[in-house]
Amino acid sequence: MLATILSLIILLPLASWTEAEKKNKREFYQLKIYHYNTMQQEQMLDDYLQNALLPALHKNNISKVGVFKAVANDTATDKTVYVLMPFKNLDAVSKTAEKIIADADYQTTGAAFINAHYKTPAYLREESILLKAFSLAPQMQIPFLKAAKKDRVYELRSYESPSEKIFKNKVHMFNEGDEIGLFKRLNFNAVFYSEVIAGNKMPNLMYMTSFENMEDRNAHWKAFGSDTAWVKLKSMPEYQNNVSHIDITFLRGVAYSDF
C-alpha cells in the first residue's frame, strides 16, 4: 500500500529541509510505478487508482495527480503504470499517506486491491521514487495540449551522473545554465523538473515533457538539437561529461488522470 512512503521518510533529514522548503515553496513529488503482466492486474490497478486512491488524494487537496501507462505496454511483458503525486512540502508526503490509510471510504473502495490474496496479487512489484523540484522550476505545470489523451505523449527522462558533485553540475546546467529556459522557449510543455532524493537510481534527476503526439515530440527534439543556445550550452567546458546514463520512457495519460 502506501507504507513505502513512510519507510522512506524515516531515512530523510527532515530538519535540514523544512525551513528552506517553506521559504522557496519548492514542491516534492512522489512517483509510484506499478509493474504487472496480466489483464486482471491491470483492471485491479485501474479500479484502485480511479475509485480509491485519486478520490482520497483529491479529498486531501492533492488535485493534480497524473496517471500514465507506458506506451511500450502493448508489447512488453513487464507492463507499468505510473502515478505522479505533487506535495507542497516533505511533511505532507507522510501525513497524506497516514490520512488516506485511515480513510474509511478509501478502505472500502480500495478493498479488492488492499486485500488482494498473495496468489492473485494486484501487481508484481511497486517502486516509489521521491523527488524535489528544481529551484527554478519549483511548481508542477499542467501542460496545455489540444490532442485527445490517447494521442498525447508524455516523455519521462532520468539522467544519472557518476558522482554527487557531477550530478550537481548537471542540475546547475538546467537551472543557472538555463536549459529549463530553452525547453520553455521551444514549448516542450514540461510538467516538472526534479532531483531524485530517494530511489533506486542515484544520483540522478528526472523531468517530464509533453507533446500532442509522437510526431510533435520528434519535431520538438529536432528543433532542440539544432538550436544555437543548446549547441553553445552543451559545448561549454564546465558542463562536459555530467551524465553517465539516460533512461527515456514514453507514457500516455489514462482517461481518469487529472491531466
Protein backbone atom coordinates (compact mmCIF):
# COMPACT_ATOMS: atom_id res chain seq x y z
CA MET A 1 0.00 0.00 0.00
CA LEU A 2 1.46 3.41 0.90
CA ALA A 3 3.78 2.11 3.61
CA THR A 4 6.74 2.61 1.29
CA ILE A 5 6.39 6.36 1.75
CA LEU A 6 6.69 6.09 5.49
CA SER A 7 9.75 3.86 5.36
CA LEU A 8 11.45 6.35 3.04
CA ILE A 9 10.64 9.38 5.13
CA ILE A 10 12.28 7.91 8.22
CA LEU A 11 15.60 7.94 6.41
CA LEU A 12 15.41 11.55 5.22
CA PRO A 13 16.97 14.53 7.04
CA LEU A 14 13.72 16.40 7.70
CA ALA A 15 15.14 19.21 9.82
CA SER A 16 17.66 20.26 7.18
CA TRP A 17 14.95 20.83 4.55
CA THR A 18 11.90 22.12 6.38
CA GLU A 19 12.66 25.85 6.68
CA ALA A 20 14.29 26.14 3.24
CA GLU A 21 11.38 24.44 1.50
CA LYS A 22 8.81 26.61 3.27
CA LYS A 23 10.71 29.70 2.11
CA ASN A 24 11.04 28.97 -1.60
CA LYS A 25 7.96 26.73 -1.93
CA ARG A 26 9.65 24.03 -3.97
CA GLU A 27 7.32 21.08 -4.33
CA PHE A 28 8.05 17.46 -3.65
CA TYR A 29 6.79 14.67 -5.88
CA GLN A 30 6.22 11.02 -5.31
CA LEU A 31 6.35 8.84 -8.39
CA LYS A 32 4.92 5.36 -7.88
CA ILE A 33 5.46 2.72 -10.54
CA TYR A 34 3.42 -0.48 -10.52
CA HIS A 35 4.66 -3.43 -12.56
CA TYR A 36 2.14 -6.00 -13.77
CA ASN A 37 1.68 -8.57 -16.53
CA THR A 38 -1.97 -9.66 -16.71
CA MET A 39 -5.24 -8.04 -17.74
CA GLN A 40 -6.68 -8.93 -14.33
CA GLN A 41 -3.92 -6.98 -12.59
CA GLU A 42 -4.40 -4.04 -14.93
CA GLN A 43 -8.11 -3.97 -14.11
CA MET A 44 -7.42 -4.14 -10.36
CA LEU A 45 -4.92 -1.31 -10.64
CA ASP A 46 -7.27 0.87 -12.70
CA ASP A 47 -10.17 0.26 -10.30
CA TYR A 48 -7.99 1.08 -7.30
CA LEU A 49 -6.41 4.19 -8.75
CA GLN A 50 -9.59 5.62 -10.25
CA ASN A 51 -12.05 4.79 -7.46
CA ALA A 52 -9.92 4.74 -4.31
CA LEU A 53 -6.53 6.46 -4.46
CA LEU A 54 -7.30 9.50 -6.64
CA PRO A 55 -10.53 10.39 -4.75
CA ALA A 56 -8.63 10.05 -1.46
CA LEU A 57 -5.82 12.29 -2.73
CA HIS A 58 -8.34 14.84 -4.00
CA LYS A 59 -10.00 14.82 -0.59
CA ASN A 60 -6.62 15.80 0.86
CA ASN A 61 -6.19 18.71 -1.59
CA ILE A 62 -3.83 16.83 -3.92
CA SER A 63 -5.75 17.84 -7.02
CA LYS A 64 -3.23 17.37 -9.85
CA VAL A 65 -2.46 13.66 -9.97
CA GLY A 66 -1.04 12.23 -13.18
CA VAL A 67 -1.66 8.58 -14.03
CA PHE A 68 0.14 7.17 -17.06
CA LYS A 69 0.78 3.86 -18.76
CA ALA A 70 3.92 3.10 -20.72
CA VAL A 71 3.48 3.24 -24.48
CA ALA A 72 5.52 0.01 -24.59
CA ASN A 73 2.84 -1.85 -22.61
CA ASP A 74 1.23 -3.11 -25.82
CA THR A 75 4.15 -5.46 -26.48
CA ALA A 76 6.05 -5.61 -23.16
CA THR A 77 5.86 -8.50 -20.72
CA ASP A 78 6.73 -6.16 -17.85
CA LYS A 79 3.91 -3.62 -18.09
CA THR A 80 3.86 -0.45 -15.98
CA VAL A 81 1.54 2.24 -14.69
CA TYR A 82 2.98 5.48 -13.26
CA VAL A 83 1.32 7.67 -10.63
CA LEU A 84 2.72 11.20 -10.14
CA MET A 85 1.66 13.00 -6.95
CA PRO A 86 2.72 16.58 -6.02
CA PHE A 87 3.10 17.73 -2.41
CA LYS A 88 3.67 21.22 -1.01
CA ASN A 89 6.36 20.05 1.39
CA LEU A 90 8.06 16.92 2.64
CA ASP A 91 5.88 16.55 5.72
CA ALA A 92 2.79 16.38 3.51
CA VAL A 93 4.02 13.15 1.89
CA SER A 94 3.87 11.14 5.10
CA LYS A 95 0.89 12.97 6.61
CA THR A 96 -1.22 12.44 3.49
CA ALA A 97 -0.36 8.74 3.48
CA GLU A 98 -1.48 8.44 7.10
CA LYS A 99 -4.77 10.23 6.38
CA ILE A 100 -5.50 8.05 3.37
CA ILE A 101 -4.85 4.82 5.24
CA ALA A 102 -7.29 5.97 7.95
CA ASP A 103 -9.97 6.97 5.41
CA ALA A 104 -12.97 4.63 5.61
CA ASP A 105 -14.10 5.39 2.06
CA TYR A 106 -10.63 4.58 0.75
CA GLN A 107 -10.59 1.29 2.65
CA THR A 108 -13.98 0.37 1.21
CA THR A 109 -13.48 1.37 -2.42
CA GLY A 110 -9.92 0.03 -2.46
CA ALA A 111 -10.71 -3.24 -0.67
CA ALA A 112 -10.04 -5.56 -3.63
CA PHE A 113 -6.59 -4.01 -4.12
CA ILE A 114 -5.72 -3.63 -0.45
CA ASN A 115 -6.83 -7.15 0.49
CA ALA A 116 -5.62 -8.94 -2.65
CA HIS A 117 -4.67 -12.58 -1.98
CA TYR A 118 -1.00 -13.44 -2.26
CA LYS A 119 -1.79 -15.93 -5.03
CA THR A 120 -3.59 -13.26 -7.07
CA PRO A 121 -1.70 -10.01 -6.31
CA ALA A 122 -2.75 -6.71 -7.86
CA TYR A 123 0.78 -6.14 -9.19
CA LEU A 124 4.18 -7.80 -9.42
CA ARG A 125 6.26 -5.03 -7.89
CA GLU A 126 5.89 -1.47 -6.72
CA GLU A 127 8.56 1.25 -6.93
CA SER A 128 8.43 4.53 -5.05
CA ILE A 129 10.63 7.50 -6.01
CA LEU A 130 10.75 10.71 -4.01
CA LEU A 131 11.74 13.91 -5.84
CA LYS A 132 12.38 17.57 -5.05
CA ALA A 133 11.54 20.26 -7.62
CA PHE A 134 14.36 22.28 -9.15
CA SER A 135 14.90 25.75 -7.69
CA LEU A 136 13.99 27.47 -11.00
CA ALA A 137 11.03 25.17 -11.67
CA PRO A 138 9.51 24.96 -8.17
CA GLN A 139 5.94 24.08 -9.15
CA MET A 140 4.35 21.43 -11.34
CA GLN A 141 2.84 22.81 -14.54
CA ILE A 142 -0.23 21.29 -16.16
CA PRO A 143 0.56 21.09 -19.89
CA PHE A 144 -1.52 22.93 -22.46
CA LEU A 145 -2.33 20.24 -25.02
CA LYS A 146 -5.20 20.06 -27.50
CA ALA A 147 -4.92 16.43 -28.60
CA ALA A 148 -7.08 13.67 -27.13
CA LYS A 149 -5.48 11.95 -24.12
CA LYS A 150 -4.99 8.75 -26.09
CA ASP A 151 -2.76 10.59 -28.58
CA ARG A 152 -0.69 12.69 -26.18
CA VAL A 153 2.86 11.64 -25.39
CA TYR A 154 4.48 12.29 -22.01
CA GLU A 155 8.23 11.79 -22.03
CA LEU A 156 9.84 10.92 -18.70
CA ARG A 157 13.62 11.26 -18.63
CA SER A 158 16.05 10.11 -15.96
CA TYR A 159 19.66 11.38 -16.08
CA GLU A 160 22.18 9.63 -13.87
CA SER A 161 25.59 11.10 -13.02
CA PRO A 162 28.81 9.35 -11.92
CA SER A 163 29.08 11.27 -8.63
CA GLU A 164 27.13 13.65 -6.40
CA LYS A 165 29.40 16.55 -7.37
CA ILE A 166 28.95 15.91 -11.09
CA PHE A 167 25.22 15.46 -10.56
CA LYS A 168 25.01 18.95 -9.02
CA ASN A 169 26.77 20.25 -12.13
CA LYS A 170 24.02 18.81 -14.34
CA VAL A 171 21.35 20.34 -12.10
CA HIS A 172 23.20 23.67 -12.40
CA MET A 173 23.12 23.27 -16.18
CA PHE A 174 19.33 23.03 -16.07
CA ASN A 175 18.89 25.95 -13.66
CA GLU A 176 21.62 28.58 -13.93
CA GLY A 177 22.73 27.27 -17.34
CA ASP A 178 19.12 27.91 -18.50
CA GLU A 179 18.41 24.54 -20.07
CA ILE A 180 14.97 24.97 -18.50
CA GLY A 181 14.59 28.27 -20.32
CA LEU A 182 15.45 26.62 -23.60
CA PHE A 183 12.77 23.97 -23.10
CA LYS A 184 10.28 26.70 -22.26
CA ARG A 185 11.16 28.81 -25.29
CA LEU A 186 10.73 25.79 -27.58
CA ASN A 187 7.37 24.95 -25.96
CA PHE A 188 8.17 21.50 -24.60
CA ASN A 189 5.23 21.73 -22.16
CA ALA A 190 7.33 20.49 -19.24
CA VAL A 191 5.33 19.09 -16.31
CA PHE A 192 8.18 19.08 -13.77
CA TYR A 193 11.94 19.09 -13.26
CA SER A 194 13.34 17.46 -10.14
CA GLU A 195 16.20 15.93 -8.20
CA VAL A 196 15.73 12.35 -7.01
CA ILE A 197 16.21 12.30 -3.24
CA ALA A 198 15.15 8.68 -2.65
CA GLY A 199 15.06 6.00 -5.32
CA ASN A 200 16.88 3.02 -6.78
CA LYS A 201 18.94 5.08 -9.25
CA MET A 202 21.07 7.81 -7.70
CA PRO A 203 22.42 10.38 -8.10
CA ASN A 204 20.00 11.40 -10.80
CA LEU A 205 17.43 13.92 -11.91
CA MET A 206 14.09 13.33 -13.57
CA TYR A 207 11.88 15.56 -15.68
CA MET A 208 8.77 15.19 -17.81
CA THR A 209 7.86 16.95 -21.05
CA SER A 210 4.63 16.51 -23.03
CA PHE A 211 3.53 16.64 -26.65
CA GLU A 212 0.43 16.40 -28.82
CA ASN A 213 1.65 13.13 -30.35
CA MET A 214 4.87 11.30 -31.24
CA GLU A 215 5.36 13.30 -34.44
CA ASP A 216 5.12 16.52 -32.42
CA ARG A 217 7.62 15.10 -29.94
CA ASN A 218 10.13 14.25 -32.67
CA ALA A 219 9.79 17.70 -34.24
CA HIS A 220 10.44 19.41 -30.90
CA TRP A 221 13.59 17.39 -30.22
CA LYS A 222 14.86 18.05 -33.73
CA ALA A 223 14.46 21.78 -33.11
CA PHE A 224 16.15 21.43 -29.73
CA GLY A 225 19.18 19.62 -31.14
CA SER A 226 19.88 22.33 -33.71
CA ASP A 227 19.06 25.33 -31.53
CA THR A 228 22.06 27.69 -31.25
CA ALA A 229 21.56 28.12 -27.48
CA TRP A 230 21.75 24.34 -26.95
CA VAL A 231 24.74 23.96 -29.25
CA LYS A 232 26.54 26.62 -27.19
CA LEU A 233 25.41 25.25 -23.81
CA LYS A 234 26.43 21.63 -24.44
CA SER A 235 29.88 22.72 -25.67
CA MET A 236 30.75 24.70 -22.53
CA PRO A 237 33.78 23.13 -20.78
CA GLU A 238 32.14 23.36 -17.34
CA TYR A 239 29.23 21.15 -18.42
CA GLN A 240 31.11 18.26 -20.01
CA ASN A 241 30.59 14.60 -19.05
CA ASN A 242 27.96 15.26 -16.39
CA VAL A 243 25.56 12.46 -17.43
CA SER A 244 26.56 8.79 -17.31
CA HIS A 245 23.24 7.13 -18.21
CA ILE A 246 19.86 8.22 -19.62
CA ASP A 247 16.53 6.39 -19.41
CA ILE A 248 13.66 7.59 -21.61
CA THR A 249 10.12 6.33 -21.04
CA PHE A 250 7.20 7.27 -23.26
CA LEU A 251 3.88 7.45 -21.44
CA ARG A 252 0.21 8.10 -22.19
CA GLY A 253 -2.26 9.50 -19.69
CA VAL A 254 -5.19 7.28 -18.75
CA ALA A 255 -8.77 8.55 -19.09
CA TYR A 256 -9.15 9.24 -15.36
CA SER A 257 -5.82 11.07 -14.96
CA ASP A 258 -6.11 14.70 -13.84
CA PHE A 259 -4.05 15.75 -16.88
